[in-house]
Amino acid sequence: MLRLTVSTEEYLVINDNIKIIFLGGSKNHLRIMIDAPKEVNIVRSTVLENQITDPEERAKLPKYYAEPEKPEKYVKKRPNIYIVHGNPQQKKG
């Protein structure tokens, strides 16, 4: 499985004929656009899950959860820069 961080309007290409474009969204929702041939079957996970009535089979389905926040080691440290009389200065300490 591949996990990526993408910006708005970036896209992924799969097999030269499927393009997934990320349009943006809010904290809990993401809007995407999928450009694929008509022969490719695209179905939401909720539709697939609702078709399975057996609780044991449903429990076998994979579940994916969003990470609430990035671990500290992945957060970029940015210096505090202040403009004093038109000259940028880095805060010490």
PDB file of N, CA and C in Angstrom:
ATOM      1  N   MET A   1       0.845  -1.172   0.000  1.00  0.00           N
ATOM      2  CA  MET A   1       0.000   0.000   0.000  1.00  0.00           C
ATOM      3  C   MET A   1       0.893   1.237   0.000  1.00  0.00           C
ATOM      4  N   LEU A   2       0.501   2.231  -0.737  1.00  0.00           N
ATOM      5  CA  LEU A   2       1.237   3.488  -0.853  1.00  0.00           C
ATOM      6  C   LEU A   2       0.436   4.590  -0.184  1.00  0.00           C
ATOM      7  N   ARG A   3       1.107   5.374   0.653  1.00  0.00           N
ATOM      8  CA  ARG A   3       0.450   6.501   1.324  1.00  0.00           C
ATOM      9  C   ARG A   3       1.167   7.772   0.912  1.00  0.00           C
ATOM     10  N   LEU A   4       0.409   8.746   0.419  1.00  0.00           N
ATOM     11  CA  LEU A   4       0.983   9.986  -0.095  1.00  0.00           C
ATOM     12  C   LEU A   4       0.331  11.200   0.544  1.00  0.00           C
ATOM     13  N   THR A   5       1.068  12.280   0.564  1.00  0.00           N
ATOM     14  CA  THR A   5       0.515  13.578   0.906  1.00  0.00           C
ATOM     15  C   THR A   5       0.515  14.389  -0.379  1.00  0.00           C
ATOM     16  N   VAL A   6      -0.636  14.912  -0.746  1.00  0.00           N
ATOM     17  CA  VAL A   6      -0.754  15.645  -2.005  1.00  0.00           C
ATOM     18  C   VAL A   6      -1.362  17.020  -1.750  1.00  0.00           C
ATOM     19  N   SER A   7      -1.111  17.900  -2.675  1.00  0.00           N
ATOM     20  CA  SER A   7      -1.686  19.243  -2.616  1.00  0.00           C
ATOM     21  C   SER A   7      -2.894  19.308  -3.540  1.00  0.00           C
ATOM     22  N   THR A   8      -3.682  20.344  -3.363  1.00  0.00           N
ATOM     23  CA  THR A   8      -4.840  20.563  -4.221  1.00  0.00           C
ATOM     24  C   THR A   8      -4.395  20.660  -5.678  1.00  0.00           C
ATOM     25  N   GLU A   9      -5.148  20.048  -6.550  1.00  0.00           N
ATOM     26  CA  GLU A   9      -4.940  20.004  -7.990  1.00  0.00           C
ATOM     27  C   GLU A   9      -3.760  19.140  -8.421  1.00  0.00           C
ATOM     28  N   GLU A  10      -3.111  18.434  -7.498  1.00  0.00           N
ATOM     29  CA  GLU A  10      -2.142  17.419  -7.893  1.00  0.00           C
ATOM     30  C   GLU A  10      -2.921  16.188  -8.339  1.00  0.00           C
ATOM     31  N   TYR A  11      -2.276  15.318  -9.084  1.00  0.00           N
ATOM     32  CA  TYR A  11      -2.972  14.119  -9.531  1.00  0.00           C
ATOM     33  C   TYR A  11      -2.041  12.920  -9.549  1.00  0.00           C
ATOM     34  N   LEU A  12      -2.651  11.742  -9.552  1.00  0.00           N
ATOM     35  CA  LEU A  12      -1.943  10.477  -9.686  1.00  0.00           C
ATOM     36  C   LEU A  12      -2.356   9.845 -11.001  1.00  0.00           C
ATOM     37  N   VAL A  13      -1.431   9.159 -11.652  1.00  0.00           N
ATOM     38  CA  VAL A  13      -1.739   8.436 -12.878  1.00  0.00           C
ATOM     39  C   VAL A  13      -1.490   6.959 -12.613  1.00  0.00           C
ATOM     40  N   ILE A  14      -2.470   6.121 -12.958  1.00  0.00           N
ATOM     41  CA  ILE A  14      -2.375   4.678 -12.769  1.00  0.00           C
ATOM     42  C   ILE A  14      -2.503   4.020 -14.140  1.00  0.00           C
ATOM     43  N   ASN A  15      -1.500   3.237 -14.532  1.00  0.00           N
ATOM     44  CA  ASN A  15      -1.508   2.496 -15.799  1.00  0.00           C
ATOM     45  C   ASN A  15      -1.741   3.369 -17.027  1.00  0.00           C
ATOM     46  N   ASP A  16      -1.283   4.563 -17.043  1.00  0.00           N
ATOM     47  CA  ASP A  16      -1.378   5.463 -18.205  1.00  0.00           C
ATOM     48  C   ASP A  16      -2.793   5.800 -18.655  1.00  0.00           C
ATOM     49  N   ASN A  17      -3.830   5.232 -18.004  1.00  0.00           N
ATOM     50  CA  ASN A  17      -5.184   5.528 -18.471  1.00  0.00           C
ATOM     51  C   ASN A  17      -6.154   5.889 -17.343  1.00  0.00           C
ATOM     52  N   ILE A  18      -5.681   5.945 -16.117  1.00  0.00           N
ATOM     53  CA  ILE A  18      -6.531   6.355 -14.993  1.00  0.00           C
ATOM     54  C   ILE A  18      -5.844   7.518 -14.285  1.00  0.00           C
ATOM     55  N   LYS A  19      -6.587   8.601 -14.118  1.00  0.00           N
ATOM     56  CA  LYS A  19      -6.045   9.785 -13.436  1.00  0.00           C
ATOM     57  C   LYS A  19      -6.963  10.126 -12.268  1.00  0.00           C
ATOM     58  N   ILE A  20      -6.374  10.313 -11.087  1.00  0.00           N
ATOM     59  CA  ILE A  20      -7.105  10.728  -9.896  1.00  0.00           C
ATOM     60  C   ILE A  20      -6.618  12.125  -9.538  1.00  0.00           C
ATOM     61  N   ILE A  21      -7.532  13.103  -9.603  1.00  0.00           N
ATOM     62  CA  ILE A  21      -7.198  14.502  -9.345  1.00  0.00           C
ATOM     63  C   ILE A  21      -7.757  14.903  -7.987  1.00  0.00           C
ATOM     64  N   PHE A  22      -6.929  15.506  -7.163  1.00  0.00           N
ATOM     65  CA  PHE A  22      -7.336  15.939  -5.827  1.00  0.00           C
ATOM     66  C   PHE A  22      -7.782  17.395  -5.913  1.00  0.00           C
ATOM     67  N   LEU A  23      -9.045  17.636  -5.596  1.00  0.00           N
ATOM     68  CA  LEU A  23      -9.635  18.962  -5.764  1.00  0.00           C
ATOM     69  C   LEU A  23      -9.657  19.785  -4.487  1.00  0.00           C
ATOM     70  N   GLY A  24      -9.316  19.193  -3.358  1.00  0.00           N
ATOM     71  CA  GLY A  24      -9.338  19.914  -2.089  1.00  0.00           C
ATOM     72  C   GLY A  24     -10.423  19.371  -1.195  1.00  0.00           C
ATOM     73  N   GLY A  25     -10.767  20.110  -0.190  1.00  0.00           N
ATOM     74  CA  GLY A  25     -11.804  19.673   0.727  1.00  0.00           C
ATOM     75  C   GLY A  25     -11.666  20.358   2.064  1.00  0.00           C
ATOM     76  N   SER A  26     -12.230  19.715   3.079  1.00  0.00           N
ATOM     77  CA  SER A  26     -12.165  20.249   4.434  1.00  0.00           C
ATOM     78  C   SER A  26     -11.456  19.233   5.310  1.00  0.00           C
ATOM     79  N   LYS A  27     -11.545  19.426   6.610  1.00  0.00           N
ATOM     80  CA  LYS A  27     -10.830  18.564   7.540  1.00  0.00           C
ATOM     81  C   LYS A  27     -11.240  17.101   7.405  1.00  0.00           C
ATOM     82  N   ASN A  28     -12.518  16.823   7.271  1.00  0.00           N
ATOM     83  CA  ASN A  28     -13.009  15.449   7.251  1.00  0.00           C
ATOM     84  C   ASN A  28     -13.427  14.952   5.872  1.00  0.00           C
ATOM     85  N   HIS A  29     -13.408  15.806   4.865  1.00  0.00           N
ATOM     86  CA  HIS A  29     -13.880  15.411   3.543  1.00  0.00           C
ATOM     87  C   HIS A  29     -12.862  15.812   2.488  1.00  0.00           C
ATOM     88  N   LEU A  30     -12.733  14.970   1.490  1.00  0.00           N
ATOM     89  CA  LEU A  30     -11.813  15.223   0.392  1.00  0.00           C
ATOM     90  C   LEU A  30     -12.578  15.075  -0.916  1.00  0.00           C
ATOM     91  N   ARG A  31     -12.394  16.006  -1.818  1.00  0.00           N
ATOM     92  CA  ARG A  31     -13.047  15.913  -3.120  1.00  0.00           C
ATOM     93  C   ARG A  31     -12.012  15.460  -4.139  1.00  0.00           C
ATOM     94  N   ILE A  32     -12.360  14.423  -4.898  1.00  0.00           N
ATOM     95  CA  ILE A  32     -11.475  13.942  -5.953  1.00  0.00           C
ATOM     96  C   ILE A  32     -12.271  13.819  -7.242  1.00  0.00           C
ATOM     97  N   MET A  33     -11.538  13.776  -8.340  1.00  0.00           N
ATOM     98  CA  MET A  33     -12.144  13.537  -9.635  1.00  0.00           C
ATOM     99  C   MET A  33     -11.366  12.370 -10.250  1.00  0.00           C
ATOM    100  N   ILE A  34     -12.077  11.389 -10.795  1.00  0.00           N
ATOM    101  CA  ILE A  34     -11.434  10.217 -11.379  1.00  0.00           C
ATOM    102  C   ILE A  34     -11.719  10.209 -12.871  1.00  0.00           C
ATOM    103  N   ASP A  35     -10.658  10.189 -13.654  1.00  0.00           N
ATOM    104  CA  ASP A  35     -10.764  10.100 -15.104  1.00  0.00           C
ATOM    105  C   ASP A  35     -10.291   8.700 -15.488  1.00  0.00           C
ATOM    106  N   ALA A  36     -11.231   7.841 -15.883  1.00  0.00           N
ATOM    107  CA  ALA A  36     -10.908   6.451 -16.198  1.00  0.00           C
ATOM    108  C   ALA A  36     -11.767   5.974 -17.365  1.00  0.00           C
ATOM    109  N   PRO A  37     -11.304   4.941 -18.062  1.00  0.00           N
ATOM    110  CA  PRO A  37     -12.125   4.378 -19.148  1.00  0.00           C
ATOM    111  C   PRO A  37     -13.435   3.809 -18.612  1.00  0.00           C
ATOM    112  N   LYS A  38     -14.438   3.734 -19.461  1.00  0.00           N
ATOM    113  CA  LYS A  38     -15.751   3.230 -19.053  1.00  0.00           C
ATOM    114  C   LYS A  38     -15.691   1.780 -18.584  1.00  0.00           C
ATOM    115  N   GLU A  39     -14.700   1.029 -19.052  1.00  0.00           N
ATOM    116  CA  GLU A  39     -14.585  -0.382 -18.683  1.00  0.00           C
ATOM    117  C   GLU A  39     -14.145  -0.579 -17.235  1.00  0.00           C
ATOM    118  N   VAL A  40     -13.578   0.458 -16.631  1.00  0.00           N
ATOM    119  CA  VAL A  40     -13.077   0.362 -15.263  1.00  0.00           C
ATOM    120  C   VAL A  40     -14.240   0.559 -14.291  1.00  0.00           C
ATOM    121  N   ASN A  41     -14.436  -0.396 -13.404  1.00  0.00           N
ATOM    122  CA  ASN A  41     -15.506  -0.342 -12.418  1.00  0.00           C
ATOM    123  C   ASN A  41     -15.019   0.427 -11.188  1.00  0.00           C
ATOM    124  N   ILE A  42     -15.696   1.511 -10.839  1.00  0.00           N
ATOM    125  CA  ILE A  42     -15.335   2.333  -9.678  1.00  0.00           C
ATOM    126  C   ILE A  42     -16.532   2.340  -8.730  1.00  0.00           C
ATOM    127  N   VAL A  43     -16.324   1.854  -7.498  1.00  0.00           N
ATOM    128  CA  VAL A  43     -17.411   1.710  -6.538  1.00  0.00           C
ATOM    129  C   VAL A  43     -16.932   2.223  -5.183  1.00  0.00           C
ATOM    130  N   ARG A  44     -17.792   2.955  -4.482  1.00  0.00           N
ATOM    131  CA  ARG A  44     -17.486   3.410  -3.123  1.00  0.00           C
ATOM    132  C   ARG A  44     -17.425   2.221  -2.173  1.00  0.00           C
ATOM    133  N   SER A  45     -16.586   2.336  -1.159  1.00  0.00           N
ATOM    134  CA  SER A  45     -16.468   1.258  -0.172  1.00  0.00           C
ATOM    135  C   SER A  45     -17.779   1.034   0.579  1.00  0.00           C
ATOM    136  N   THR A  46     -18.533   2.095   0.837  1.00  0.00           N
ATOM    137  CA  THR A  46     -19.788   1.934   1.574  1.00  0.00           C
ATOM    138  C   THR A  46     -20.796   1.085   0.792  1.00  0.00           C
ATOM    139  N   VAL A  47     -20.787   1.206  -0.532  1.00  0.00           N
ATOM    140  CA  VAL A  47     -21.686   0.402  -1.352  1.00  0.00           C
ATOM    141  C   VAL A  47     -21.299  -1.073  -1.245  1.00  0.00           C
ATOM    142  N   LEU A  48     -20.007  -1.360  -1.317  1.00  0.00           N
ATOM    143  CA  LEU A  48     -19.546  -2.741  -1.196  1.00  0.00           C
ATOM    144  C   LEU A  48     -19.870  -3.315   0.178  1.00  0.00           C
ATOM    145  N   GLU A  49     -19.648  -2.506   1.217  1.00  0.00           N
ATOM    146  CA  GLU A  49     -19.904  -2.967   2.582  1.00  0.00           C
ATOM    147  C   GLU A  49     -21.388  -3.241   2.803  1.00  0.00           C
ATOM    148  N   ASN A  50     -22.255  -2.415   2.237  1.00  0.00           N
ATOM    149  CA  ASN A  50     -23.701  -2.594   2.412  1.00  0.00           C
ATOM    150  C   ASN A  50     -24.241  -3.819   1.683  1.00  0.00           C
ATOM    151  N   GLN A  51     -23.520  -4.301   0.683  1.00  0.00           N
ATOM    152  CA  GLN A  51     -23.948  -5.490  -0.037  1.00  0.00           C
ATOM    153  C   GLN A  51     -23.695  -6.770   0.764  1.00  0.00           C
ATOM    154  N   ILE A  52     -22.779  -6.724   1.721  1.00  0.00           N
ATOM    155  CA  ILE A  52     -22.446  -7.898   2.528  1.00  0.00           C
ATOM    156  C   ILE A  52     -23.339  -7.915   3.759  1.00  0.00           C
ATOM    157  N   THR A  53     -24.148  -8.956   3.884  1.00  0.00           N
ATOM    158  CA  THR A  53     -25.077  -9.039   5.015  1.00  0.00           C
ATOM    159  C   THR A  53     -24.544  -9.917   6.144  1.00  0.00           C
ATOM    160  N   ASP A  54     -23.604 -10.823   5.853  1.00  0.00           N
ATOM    161  CA  ASP A  54     -23.054 -11.712   6.869  1.00  0.00           C
ATOM    162  C   ASP A  54     -22.081 -10.941   7.757  1.00  0.00           C
ATOM    163  N   PRO A  55     -22.333 -10.880   9.085  1.00  0.00           N
ATOM    164  CA  PRO A  55     -21.459 -10.115   9.987  1.00  0.00           C
ATOM    165  C   PRO A  55     -20.014 -10.620  10.001  1.00  0.00           C
ATOM    166  N   GLU A  56     -19.815 -11.925   9.835  1.00  0.00           N
ATOM    167  CA  GLU A  56     -18.450 -12.465   9.827  1.00  0.00           C
ATOM    168  C   GLU A  56     -17.686 -12.004   8.594  1.00  0.00           C
ATOM    169  N   GLU A  57     -18.345 -11.991   7.459  1.00  0.00           N
ATOM    170  CA  GLU A  57     -17.712 -11.522   6.222  1.00  0.00           C
ATOM    171  C   GLU A  57     -17.421 -10.022   6.294  1.00  0.00           C
ATOM    172  N   ARG A  58     -18.351  -9.290   6.883  1.00  0.00           N
ATOM    173  CA  ARG A  58     -18.178  -7.842   7.029  1.00  0.00           C
ATOM    174  C   ARG A  58     -16.987  -7.517   7.930  1.00  0.00           C
ATOM    175  N   ALA A  59     -16.778  -8.332   8.961  1.00  0.00           N
ATOM    176  CA  ALA A  59     -15.660  -8.114   9.889  1.00  0.00           C
ATOM    177  C   ALA A  59     -14.313  -8.337   9.202  1.00  0.00           C
ATOM    178  N   LYS A  60     -14.284  -9.104   8.132  1.00  0.00           N
ATOM    179  CA  LYS A  60     -13.037  -9.383   7.412  1.00  0.00           C
ATOM    180  C   LYS A  60     -12.616  -8.236   6.493  1.00  0.00           C
ATOM    181  N   LEU A  61     -13.525  -7.320   6.215  1.00  0.00           N
ATOM    182  CA  LEU A  61     -13.201  -6.203   5.327  1.00  0.00           C
ATOM    183  C   LEU A  61     -12.132  -5.312   5.950  1.00  0.00           C
ATOM    184  N   PRO A  62     -11.211  -4.800   5.140  1.00  0.00           N
ATOM    185  CA  PRO A  62     -10.180  -3.916   5.698  1.00  0.00           C
ATOM    186  C   PRO A  62     -10.775  -2.586   6.139  1.00  0.00           C
ATOM    187  N   LYS A  63     -10.214  -2.020   7.180  1.00  0.00           N
ATOM    188  CA  LYS A  63     -10.626  -0.713   7.687  1.00  0.00           C
ATOM    189  C   LYS A  63      -9.417   0.219   7.652  1.00  0.00           C
ATOM    190  N   TYR A  64      -9.643   1.427   7.216  1.00  0.00           N
ATOM    191  CA  TYR A  64      -8.585   2.425   7.142  1.00  0.00           C
ATOM    192  C   TYR A  64      -9.013   3.637   7.949  1.00  0.00           C
ATOM    193  N   TYR A  65      -8.108   4.133   8.757  1.00  0.00           N
ATOM    194  CA  TYR A  65      -8.409   5.270   9.615  1.00  0.00           C
ATOM    195  C   TYR A  65      -7.406   6.384   9.352  1.00  0.00           C
ATOM    196  N   ALA A  66      -7.880   7.600   9.383  1.00  0.00           N
ATOM    197  CA  ALA A  66      -6.998   8.753   9.207  1.00  0.00           C
ATOM    198  C   ALA A  66      -6.186   8.962  10.469  1.00  0.00           C
ATOM    199  N   GLU A  67      -4.940   9.383  10.279  1.00  0.00           N
ATOM    200  CA  GLU A  67      -4.119   9.735  11.432  1.00  0.00           C
ATOM    201  C   GLU A  67      -4.555  11.104  11.913  1.00  0.00           C
ATOM    202  N   PRO A  68      -4.796  11.262  13.218  1.00  0.00           N
ATOM    203  CA  PRO A  68      -5.259  12.559  13.705  1.00  0.00           C
ATOM    204  C   PRO A  68      -4.231  13.669  13.514  1.00  0.00           C
ATOM    205  N   GLU A  69      -2.956  13.379  13.756  1.00  0.00           N
ATOM    206  CA  GLU A  69      -1.909  14.377  13.572  1.00  0.00           C
ATOM    207  C   GLU A  69      -0.631  13.686  13.159  1.00  0.00           C
ATOM    208  N   LYS A  70       0.282  14.451  12.582  1.00  0.00           N
ATOM    209  CA  LYS A  70       1.564  13.895  12.171  1.00  0.00           C
ATOM    210  C   LYS A  70       2.435  13.652  13.399  1.00  0.00           C
ATOM    211  N   PRO A  71       3.206  12.555  13.384  1.00  0.00           N
ATOM    212  CA  PRO A  71       4.180  12.378  14.466  1.00  0.00           C
ATOM    213  C   PRO A  71       5.201  13.507  14.443  1.00  0.00           C
ATOM    214  N   GLU A  72       5.753  13.824  15.580  1.00  0.00           N
ATOM    215  CA  GLU A  72       6.679  14.951  15.731  1.00  0.00           C
ATOM    216  C   GLU A  72       7.853  14.878  14.760  1.00  0.00           C
ATOM    217  N   LYS A  73       8.328  13.663  14.459  1.00  0.00           N
ATOM    218  CA  LYS A  73       9.504  13.543  13.597  1.00  0.00           C
ATOM    219  C   LYS A  73       9.223  13.969  12.152  1.00  0.00           C
ATOM    220  N   TYR A  74       7.949  14.069  11.749  1.00  0.00           N
ATOM    221  CA  TYR A  74       7.609  14.477  10.395  1.00  0.00           C
ATOM    222  C   TYR A  74       7.239  15.955  10.277  1.00  0.00           C
ATOM    223  N   VAL A  75       7.184  16.673  11.383  1.00  0.00           N
ATOM    224  CA  VAL A  75       6.806  18.081  11.369  1.00  0.00           C
ATOM    225  C   VAL A  75       8.058  18.913  11.115  1.00  0.00           C
ATOM    226  N   LYS A  76       8.010  19.784  10.101  1.00  0.00           N
ATOM    227  CA  LYS A  76       9.153  20.632   9.775  1.00  0.00           C
ATOM    228  C   LYS A  76       9.324  21.714  10.824  1.00  0.00           C
ATOM    229  N   LYS A  77      10.539  21.931  11.220  1.00  0.00           N
ATOM    230  CA  LYS A  77      10.865  23.014  12.153  1.00  0.00           C
ATOM    231  C   LYS A  77      11.153  24.264  11.324  1.00  0.00           C
ATOM    232  N   ARG A  78      10.401  25.314  11.555  1.00  0.00           N
ATOM    233  CA  ARG A  78      10.597  26.567  10.823  1.00  0.00           C
ATOM    234  C   ARG A  78      11.078  27.638  11.791  1.00  0.00           C
ATOM    235  N   PRO A  79      12.099  28.369  11.398  1.00  0.00           N
ATOM    236  CA  PRO A  79      12.577  29.434  12.283  1.00  0.00           C
ATOM    237  C   PRO A  79      11.566  30.576  12.359  1.00  0.00           C
ATOM    238  N   ASN A  80      11.520  31.224  13.504  1.00  0.00           N
ATOM    239  CA  ASN A  80      10.659  32.402  13.666  1.00  0.00           C
ATOM    240  C   ASN A  80      11.387  33.590  13.057  1.00  0.00           C
ATOM    241  N   ILE A  81      10.794  34.223  12.055  1.00  0.00           N
ATOM    242  CA  ILE A  81      11.412  35.372  11.400  1.00  0.00           C
ATOM    243  C   ILE A  81      10.511  36.580  11.602  1.00  0.00           C
ATOM    244  N   TYR A  82      11.105  37.668  12.049  1.00  0.00           N
ATOM    245  CA  TYR A  82      10.377  38.898  12.290  1.00  0.00           C
ATOM    246  C   TYR A  82      10.943  39.984  11.392  1.00  0.00           C
ATOM    247  N   ILE A  83      10.097  40.905  10.945  1.00  0.00           N
ATOM    248  CA  ILE A  83      10.539  42.051  10.149  1.00  0.00           C
ATOM    249  C   ILE A  83      10.645  43.248  11.093  1.00  0.00           C
ATOM    250  N   VAL A  84      11.853  43.758  11.219  1.00  0.00           N
ATOM    251  CA  VAL A  84      12.092  44.915  12.076  1.00  0.00           C
ATOM    252  C   VAL A  84      12.613  46.036  11.180  1.00  0.00           C
ATOM    253  N   HIS A  85      11.821  47.062  11.027  1.00  0.00           N
ATOM    254  CA  HIS A  85      12.164  48.220  10.188  1.00  0.00           C
ATOM    255  C   HIS A  85      12.578  47.785   8.787  1.00  0.00           C
ATOM    256  N   GLY A  86      11.821  46.834   8.213  1.00  0.00           N
ATOM    257  CA  GLY A  86      12.064  46.407   6.840  1.00  0.00           C
ATOM    258  C   GLY A  86      13.167  45.382   6.675  1.00  0.00           C
ATOM    259  N   ASN A  87      13.850  44.991   7.764  1.00  0.00           N
ATOM    260  CA  ASN A  87      14.918  44.008   7.655  1.00  0.00           C
ATOM    261  C   ASN A  87      14.506  42.701   8.341  1.00  0.00           C
ATOM    262  N   PRO A  88      14.538  41.568   7.594  1.00  0.00           N
ATOM    263  CA  PRO A  88      14.173  40.292   8.246  1.00  0.00           C
ATOM    264  C   PRO A  88      15.236  39.875   9.247  1.00  0.00           C
ATOM    265  N   GLN A  89      14.799  39.455  10.412  1.00  0.00           N
ATOM    266  CA  GLN A  89      15.717  38.989  11.445  1.00  0.00           C
ATOM    267  C   GLN A  89      15.163  37.693  12.032  1.00  0.00           C
ATOM    268  N   GLN A  90      16.088  36.764  12.333  1.00  0.00           N
ATOM    269  CA  GLN A  90      15.686  35.509  12.932  1.00  0.00           C
ATOM    270  C   GLN A  90      15.700  35.660  14.448  1.00  0.00           C
ATOM    271  N   LYS A  91      14.643  35.189  15.082  1.00  0.00           N
ATOM    272  CA  LYS A  91      14.552  35.258  16.555  1.00  0.00           C
ATOM    273  C   LYS A  91      15.549  34.281  17.153  1.00  0.00           C
ATOM    274  N   LYS A  92      16.275  34.729  18.121  1.00  0.00           N
ATOM    275  CA  LYS A  92      17.260  33.883  18.795  1.00  0.00           C
ATOM    276  C   LYS A  92      16.627  33.204  19.983  1.00  0.00           C
ATOM    277  N   GLY A  93      17.032  31.937  20.187  1.00  0.00           N
ATOM    278  CA  GLY A  93      16.557  31.230  21.363  1.00  0.00           C
ATOM    279  C   GLY A  93      15.441  30.380  21.102  1.00  0.00           C
TER     280      GLY A  93
END
